[in-house]
Amino acid sequence: MPQPTGFITHRGVRIYLIDLEGMQPDEVTRLVDRVAKEIRAEPPGSVRSLTHVKDALVSTAMIERLRWLADGNKPHVKHAAIAGLTPTQRVILNVVKSLTGREFAVLPTKAEALDHLASLP
């Protein structure tokens, strides 16, 4: 079962986990507003975020909401990672990156992504 979405502490570092594992597109789109509110309440350049998408299903509406989320969160995020991408989701990520100017570290697993984010300055 996925962890709740929100701030967690990993190796002493505060990370915002957006855990979409196994979610349906409508579940993801309902979650986006809460995630945006919580991340955008943080100081600029302060958030380390991990989006975990293993086994999440994708829809056009969901992609648009995630693009909106990534774009609006940009000023608040210091480091961002994504884990669990399928080849199709990698293509979608490249589109989101080009539209938002965001950069994301792409790692195979949630554990590796958490370790990566915790190791950054």
N, C-alpha and C. Protein backbone atom coordinates (compact mmCIF):
# COMPACT_ATOMS: atom_id res chain seq x y z
N MET A 1 0.85 -1.19 0.00
CA MET A 1 0.00 0.00 0.00
C MET A 1 0.89 1.24 0.00
N PRO A 2 0.57 2.24 -0.84
CA PRO A 2 1.40 3.44 -0.89
C PRO A 2 1.32 4.25 0.39
N GLN A 3 2.39 5.00 0.63
CA GLN A 3 2.40 5.91 1.78
C GLN A 3 1.49 7.08 1.45
N PRO A 4 0.97 7.73 2.49
CA PRO A 4 0.16 8.92 2.23
C PRO A 4 1.01 10.00 1.55
N THR A 5 0.35 10.82 0.77
CA THR A 5 1.03 11.94 0.14
C THR A 5 1.18 13.05 1.16
N GLY A 6 2.38 13.62 1.19
CA GLY A 6 2.68 14.70 2.13
C GLY A 6 4.14 14.66 2.51
N PHE A 7 4.51 15.48 3.48
CA PHE A 7 5.91 15.54 3.90
C PHE A 7 6.26 14.32 4.75
N ILE A 8 7.42 13.75 4.44
CA ILE A 8 7.98 12.65 5.21
C ILE A 8 9.43 13.03 5.54
N THR A 9 10.04 12.28 6.43
CA THR A 9 11.45 12.47 6.71
C THR A 9 12.18 11.20 6.33
N HIS A 10 13.21 11.35 5.50
CA HIS A 10 14.02 10.22 5.06
C HIS A 10 15.48 10.57 5.30
N ARG A 11 16.13 9.75 6.13
CA ARG A 11 17.54 9.99 6.50
C ARG A 11 17.75 11.42 7.02
N GLY A 12 16.78 11.88 7.79
CA GLY A 12 16.88 13.19 8.41
C GLY A 12 16.53 14.35 7.49
N VAL A 13 16.07 14.07 6.28
CA VAL A 13 15.77 15.12 5.30
C VAL A 13 14.26 15.13 5.02
N ARG A 14 13.69 16.29 5.01
CA ARG A 14 12.26 16.47 4.75
C ARG A 14 12.01 16.42 3.25
N ILE A 15 11.12 15.51 2.84
CA ILE A 15 10.81 15.31 1.43
C ILE A 15 9.28 15.27 1.27
N TYR A 16 8.79 15.94 0.23
CA TYR A 16 7.36 15.87 -0.06
C TYR A 16 7.14 14.70 -1.01
N LEU A 17 6.43 13.68 -0.53
CA LEU A 17 6.16 12.48 -1.31
C LEU A 17 4.78 12.58 -1.95
N ILE A 18 4.76 12.49 -3.27
CA ILE A 18 3.50 12.43 -4.02
C ILE A 18 3.41 10.98 -4.49
N ASP A 19 2.74 10.15 -3.73
CA ASP A 19 2.71 8.72 -4.01
C ASP A 19 1.45 8.36 -4.78
N LEU A 20 1.61 8.18 -6.08
CA LEU A 20 0.49 7.89 -6.97
C LEU A 20 0.43 6.40 -7.32
N GLU A 21 1.18 5.59 -6.61
CA GLU A 21 1.27 4.17 -6.95
C GLU A 21 -0.10 3.52 -7.08
N GLY A 22 -0.33 2.93 -8.26
CA GLY A 22 -1.55 2.18 -8.51
C GLY A 22 -2.81 3.00 -8.63
N MET A 23 -2.70 4.31 -8.66
CA MET A 23 -3.90 5.15 -8.70
C MET A 23 -4.52 5.22 -10.09
N GLN A 24 -5.80 5.44 -10.09
CA GLN A 24 -6.56 5.70 -11.31
C GLN A 24 -6.42 7.21 -11.62
N PRO A 25 -6.55 7.59 -12.90
CA PRO A 25 -6.41 9.01 -13.26
C PRO A 25 -7.30 9.96 -12.46
N ASP A 26 -8.56 9.56 -12.19
CA ASP A 26 -9.45 10.46 -11.45
C ASP A 26 -8.98 10.65 -10.01
N GLU A 27 -8.36 9.64 -9.42
CA GLU A 27 -7.81 9.77 -8.06
C GLU A 27 -6.67 10.77 -8.06
N VAL A 28 -5.84 10.70 -9.09
CA VAL A 28 -4.69 11.61 -9.19
C VAL A 28 -5.18 13.04 -9.37
N THR A 29 -6.13 13.27 -10.27
CA THR A 29 -6.58 14.64 -10.51
C THR A 29 -7.23 15.24 -9.27
N ARG A 30 -7.90 14.42 -8.45
CA ARG A 30 -8.49 14.93 -7.20
C ARG A 30 -7.42 15.30 -6.18
N LEU A 31 -6.28 14.67 -6.22
CA LEU A 31 -5.21 14.90 -5.26
C LEU A 31 -4.38 16.16 -5.57
N VAL A 32 -4.35 16.56 -6.83
CA VAL A 32 -3.47 17.62 -7.29
C VAL A 32 -3.66 18.94 -6.55
N ASP A 33 -4.89 19.37 -6.31
CA ASP A 33 -5.11 20.66 -5.65
C ASP A 33 -4.52 20.68 -4.24
N ARG A 34 -4.68 19.58 -3.49
CA ARG A 34 -4.12 19.51 -2.14
C ARG A 34 -2.59 19.56 -2.19
N VAL A 35 -2.01 18.82 -3.11
CA VAL A 35 -0.55 18.82 -3.26
C VAL A 35 -0.05 20.22 -3.60
N ALA A 36 -0.71 20.88 -4.54
CA ALA A 36 -0.31 22.24 -4.93
C ALA A 36 -0.37 23.19 -3.74
N LYS A 37 -1.44 23.12 -2.97
CA LYS A 37 -1.61 24.01 -1.82
C LYS A 37 -0.49 23.79 -0.80
N GLU A 38 -0.17 22.53 -0.52
CA GLU A 38 0.85 22.22 0.48
C GLU A 38 2.25 22.62 0.02
N ILE A 39 2.60 22.33 -1.22
CA ILE A 39 3.94 22.68 -1.70
C ILE A 39 4.08 24.19 -1.86
N ARG A 40 3.06 24.84 -2.37
CA ARG A 40 3.15 26.29 -2.62
C ARG A 40 3.08 27.11 -1.34
N ALA A 41 2.77 26.47 -0.22
CA ALA A 41 2.80 27.15 1.08
C ALA A 41 4.22 27.21 1.64
N GLU A 42 5.14 26.48 1.02
CA GLU A 42 6.52 26.42 1.49
C GLU A 42 7.34 27.56 0.86
N PRO A 43 8.45 27.94 1.52
CA PRO A 43 9.29 29.01 0.96
C PRO A 43 9.85 28.63 -0.41
N PRO A 44 10.11 29.63 -1.24
CA PRO A 44 10.71 29.36 -2.55
C PRO A 44 12.03 28.59 -2.42
N GLY A 45 12.22 27.64 -3.32
CA GLY A 45 13.47 26.88 -3.38
C GLY A 45 13.73 25.98 -2.19
N SER A 46 12.70 25.55 -1.47
CA SER A 46 12.93 24.81 -0.24
C SER A 46 12.49 23.35 -0.27
N VAL A 47 11.68 22.96 -1.24
CA VAL A 47 11.06 21.63 -1.20
C VAL A 47 11.85 20.62 -2.04
N ARG A 48 12.03 19.45 -1.46
CA ARG A 48 12.52 18.28 -2.21
C ARG A 48 11.28 17.43 -2.43
N SER A 49 10.99 17.11 -3.69
CA SER A 49 9.77 16.36 -3.95
C SER A 49 10.06 15.08 -4.71
N LEU A 50 9.30 14.07 -4.37
CA LEU A 50 9.36 12.78 -5.06
C LEU A 50 7.97 12.42 -5.54
N THR A 51 7.82 12.21 -6.83
CA THR A 51 6.58 11.72 -7.40
C THR A 51 6.79 10.26 -7.76
N HIS A 52 6.03 9.38 -7.12
CA HIS A 52 6.14 7.94 -7.34
C HIS A 52 4.93 7.50 -8.15
N VAL A 53 5.18 6.99 -9.38
CA VAL A 53 4.09 6.72 -10.30
C VAL A 53 3.94 5.24 -10.67
N LYS A 54 4.58 4.37 -9.92
CA LYS A 54 4.53 2.94 -10.24
C LYS A 54 3.07 2.47 -10.37
N ASP A 55 2.78 1.84 -11.50
CA ASP A 55 1.47 1.24 -11.78
C ASP A 55 0.31 2.25 -11.79
N ALA A 56 0.60 3.54 -11.87
CA ALA A 56 -0.47 4.53 -12.00
C ALA A 56 -0.95 4.56 -13.45
N LEU A 57 -2.23 4.62 -13.64
CA LEU A 57 -2.79 4.71 -14.98
C LEU A 57 -2.83 6.17 -15.42
N VAL A 58 -2.74 6.40 -16.72
CA VAL A 58 -2.59 7.75 -17.25
C VAL A 58 -3.79 8.12 -18.12
N SER A 59 -4.20 9.38 -18.02
CA SER A 59 -5.22 9.93 -18.91
C SER A 59 -4.78 11.32 -19.35
N THR A 60 -5.40 11.82 -20.39
CA THR A 60 -5.07 13.16 -20.87
C THR A 60 -5.34 14.22 -19.80
N ALA A 61 -6.47 14.11 -19.11
CA ALA A 61 -6.81 15.08 -18.06
C ALA A 61 -5.78 15.02 -16.93
N MET A 62 -5.35 13.83 -16.58
CA MET A 62 -4.35 13.68 -15.52
C MET A 62 -3.03 14.33 -15.93
N ILE A 63 -2.62 14.11 -17.16
CA ILE A 63 -1.36 14.70 -17.65
C ILE A 63 -1.44 16.22 -17.57
N GLU A 64 -2.55 16.78 -17.96
CA GLU A 64 -2.71 18.25 -17.92
C GLU A 64 -2.64 18.76 -16.48
N ARG A 65 -3.27 18.07 -15.55
CA ARG A 65 -3.23 18.48 -14.14
C ARG A 65 -1.81 18.37 -13.57
N LEU A 66 -1.10 17.32 -13.93
CA LEU A 66 0.28 17.17 -13.44
C LEU A 66 1.19 18.23 -14.06
N ARG A 67 0.93 18.60 -15.31
CA ARG A 67 1.71 19.67 -15.94
C ARG A 67 1.46 20.98 -15.19
N TRP A 68 0.19 21.24 -14.88
CA TRP A 68 -0.16 22.45 -14.12
C TRP A 68 0.53 22.43 -12.76
N LEU A 69 0.53 21.28 -12.11
CA LEU A 69 1.17 21.14 -10.79
C LEU A 69 2.66 21.40 -10.89
N ALA A 70 3.32 20.77 -11.85
CA ALA A 70 4.77 20.93 -12.01
C ALA A 70 5.13 22.38 -12.32
N ASP A 71 4.36 23.02 -13.17
CA ASP A 71 4.64 24.40 -13.54
C ASP A 71 4.48 25.34 -12.35
N GLY A 72 3.39 25.22 -11.63
CA GLY A 72 3.13 26.10 -10.49
C GLY A 72 4.02 25.85 -9.29
N ASN A 73 4.49 24.62 -9.15
CA ASN A 73 5.36 24.29 -8.01
C ASN A 73 6.81 24.68 -8.24
N LYS A 74 7.16 24.97 -9.47
CA LYS A 74 8.56 25.23 -9.84
C LYS A 74 9.28 26.19 -8.89
N PRO A 75 8.71 27.33 -8.52
CA PRO A 75 9.45 28.26 -7.65
C PRO A 75 9.74 27.69 -6.26
N HIS A 76 8.98 26.72 -5.81
CA HIS A 76 9.10 26.21 -4.45
C HIS A 76 10.00 24.98 -4.34
N VAL A 77 10.29 24.34 -5.47
CA VAL A 77 11.00 23.07 -5.45
C VAL A 77 12.49 23.27 -5.69
N LYS A 78 13.27 22.74 -4.76
CA LYS A 78 14.73 22.78 -4.86
C LYS A 78 15.23 21.60 -5.67
N HIS A 79 14.75 20.40 -5.36
CA HIS A 79 15.12 19.18 -6.06
C HIS A 79 13.87 18.34 -6.28
N ALA A 80 13.75 17.73 -7.46
CA ALA A 80 12.59 16.90 -7.76
C ALA A 80 13.06 15.58 -8.37
N ALA A 81 12.37 14.52 -8.00
CA ALA A 81 12.65 13.20 -8.55
C ALA A 81 11.34 12.50 -8.88
N ILE A 82 11.43 11.59 -9.84
CA ILE A 82 10.30 10.76 -10.21
C ILE A 82 10.78 9.32 -10.23
N ALA A 83 9.95 8.43 -9.70
CA ALA A 83 10.31 7.01 -9.65
C ALA A 83 9.16 6.16 -10.17
N GLY A 84 9.53 5.00 -10.75
CA GLY A 84 8.54 4.02 -11.18
C GLY A 84 7.94 4.25 -12.55
N LEU A 85 8.62 5.00 -13.40
CA LEU A 85 8.08 5.32 -14.72
C LEU A 85 8.11 4.12 -15.67
N THR A 86 7.04 3.99 -16.43
CA THR A 86 7.03 3.05 -17.55
C THR A 86 7.62 3.78 -18.76
N PRO A 87 7.93 3.08 -19.85
CA PRO A 87 8.42 3.78 -21.04
C PRO A 87 7.43 4.84 -21.56
N THR A 88 6.15 4.56 -21.52
CA THR A 88 5.15 5.55 -21.95
C THR A 88 5.15 6.76 -21.03
N GLN A 89 5.25 6.53 -19.73
CA GLN A 89 5.28 7.64 -18.78
C GLN A 89 6.55 8.49 -18.97
N ARG A 90 7.66 7.87 -19.40
CA ARG A 90 8.88 8.64 -19.67
C ARG A 90 8.66 9.63 -20.81
N VAL A 91 7.93 9.21 -21.83
CA VAL A 91 7.61 10.10 -22.95
C VAL A 91 6.77 11.27 -22.44
N ILE A 92 5.78 10.97 -21.62
CA ILE A 92 4.92 12.01 -21.05
C ILE A 92 5.75 12.98 -20.20
N LEU A 93 6.68 12.43 -19.40
CA LEU A 93 7.54 13.28 -18.58
C LEU A 93 8.34 14.24 -19.45
N ASN A 94 8.86 13.76 -20.56
CA ASN A 94 9.63 14.64 -21.44
C ASN A 94 8.79 15.79 -21.97
N VAL A 95 7.52 15.53 -22.24
CA VAL A 95 6.61 16.60 -22.68
C VAL A 95 6.41 17.60 -21.55
N VAL A 96 6.14 17.10 -20.34
CA VAL A 96 5.94 17.97 -19.18
C VAL A 96 7.20 18.81 -18.94
N LYS A 97 8.36 18.20 -19.02
CA LYS A 97 9.62 18.93 -18.82
C LYS A 97 9.77 20.05 -19.85
N SER A 98 9.45 19.76 -21.11
CA SER A 98 9.62 20.78 -22.14
C SER A 98 8.61 21.92 -21.97
N LEU A 99 7.41 21.61 -21.50
CA LEU A 99 6.39 22.65 -21.32
C LEU A 99 6.61 23.51 -20.07
N THR A 100 7.24 22.93 -19.05
CA THR A 100 7.37 23.64 -17.77
C THR A 100 8.79 24.13 -17.49
N GLY A 101 9.77 23.62 -18.22
CA GLY A 101 11.16 23.97 -17.93
C GLY A 101 11.68 23.33 -16.66
N ARG A 102 10.97 22.35 -16.15
CA ARG A 102 11.38 21.66 -14.92
C ARG A 102 12.37 20.55 -15.23
N GLU A 103 13.20 20.25 -14.27
CA GLU A 103 14.12 19.11 -14.35
C GLU A 103 13.76 18.14 -13.24
N PHE A 104 13.81 16.87 -13.55
CA PHE A 104 13.50 15.81 -12.59
C PHE A 104 14.56 14.73 -12.68
N ALA A 105 15.06 14.28 -11.55
CA ALA A 105 15.90 13.09 -11.53
C ALA A 105 14.96 11.90 -11.71
N VAL A 106 15.31 10.98 -12.59
CA VAL A 106 14.47 9.81 -12.84
C VAL A 106 15.19 8.60 -12.29
N LEU A 107 14.54 7.94 -11.33
CA LEU A 107 15.12 6.76 -10.70
C LEU A 107 14.13 5.61 -10.77
N PRO A 108 14.65 4.37 -10.77
CA PRO A 108 13.75 3.23 -10.96
C PRO A 108 12.79 2.98 -9.80
N THR A 109 13.23 3.21 -8.56
CA THR A 109 12.38 2.87 -7.42
C THR A 109 12.21 4.05 -6.47
N LYS A 110 11.16 3.96 -5.67
CA LYS A 110 10.90 4.99 -4.66
C LYS A 110 12.06 5.06 -3.67
N ALA A 111 12.57 3.91 -3.24
CA ALA A 111 13.68 3.88 -2.27
C ALA A 111 14.92 4.58 -2.83
N GLU A 112 15.24 4.30 -4.10
CA GLU A 112 16.41 4.94 -4.71
C GLU A 112 16.20 6.44 -4.85
N ALA A 113 15.00 6.86 -5.19
CA ALA A 113 14.70 8.28 -5.33
C ALA A 113 14.79 9.00 -3.99
N LEU A 114 14.26 8.37 -2.93
CA LEU A 114 14.37 8.97 -1.60
C LEU A 114 15.83 9.13 -1.19
N ASP A 115 16.63 8.09 -1.41
CA ASP A 115 18.05 8.16 -1.08
C ASP A 115 18.73 9.27 -1.87
N HIS A 116 18.41 9.37 -3.16
CA HIS A 116 18.99 10.41 -4.00
C HIS A 116 18.66 11.80 -3.47
N LEU A 117 17.39 12.06 -3.20
CA LEU A 117 16.98 13.37 -2.70
C LEU A 117 17.62 13.68 -1.36
N ALA A 118 17.73 12.69 -0.51
CA ALA A 118 18.33 12.92 0.82
C ALA A 118 19.82 13.21 0.72
N SER A 119 20.47 12.76 -0.35
CA SER A 119 21.92 12.95 -0.49
C SER A 119 22.30 14.30 -1.07
N LEU A 120 21.33 15.03 -1.61
CA LEU A 120 21.63 16.30 -2.26
C LEU A 120 21.80 17.42 -1.23
N PRO A 121 22.63 18.41 -1.60
CA PRO A 121 22.83 19.53 -0.66
C PRO A 121 21.60 20.41 -0.55
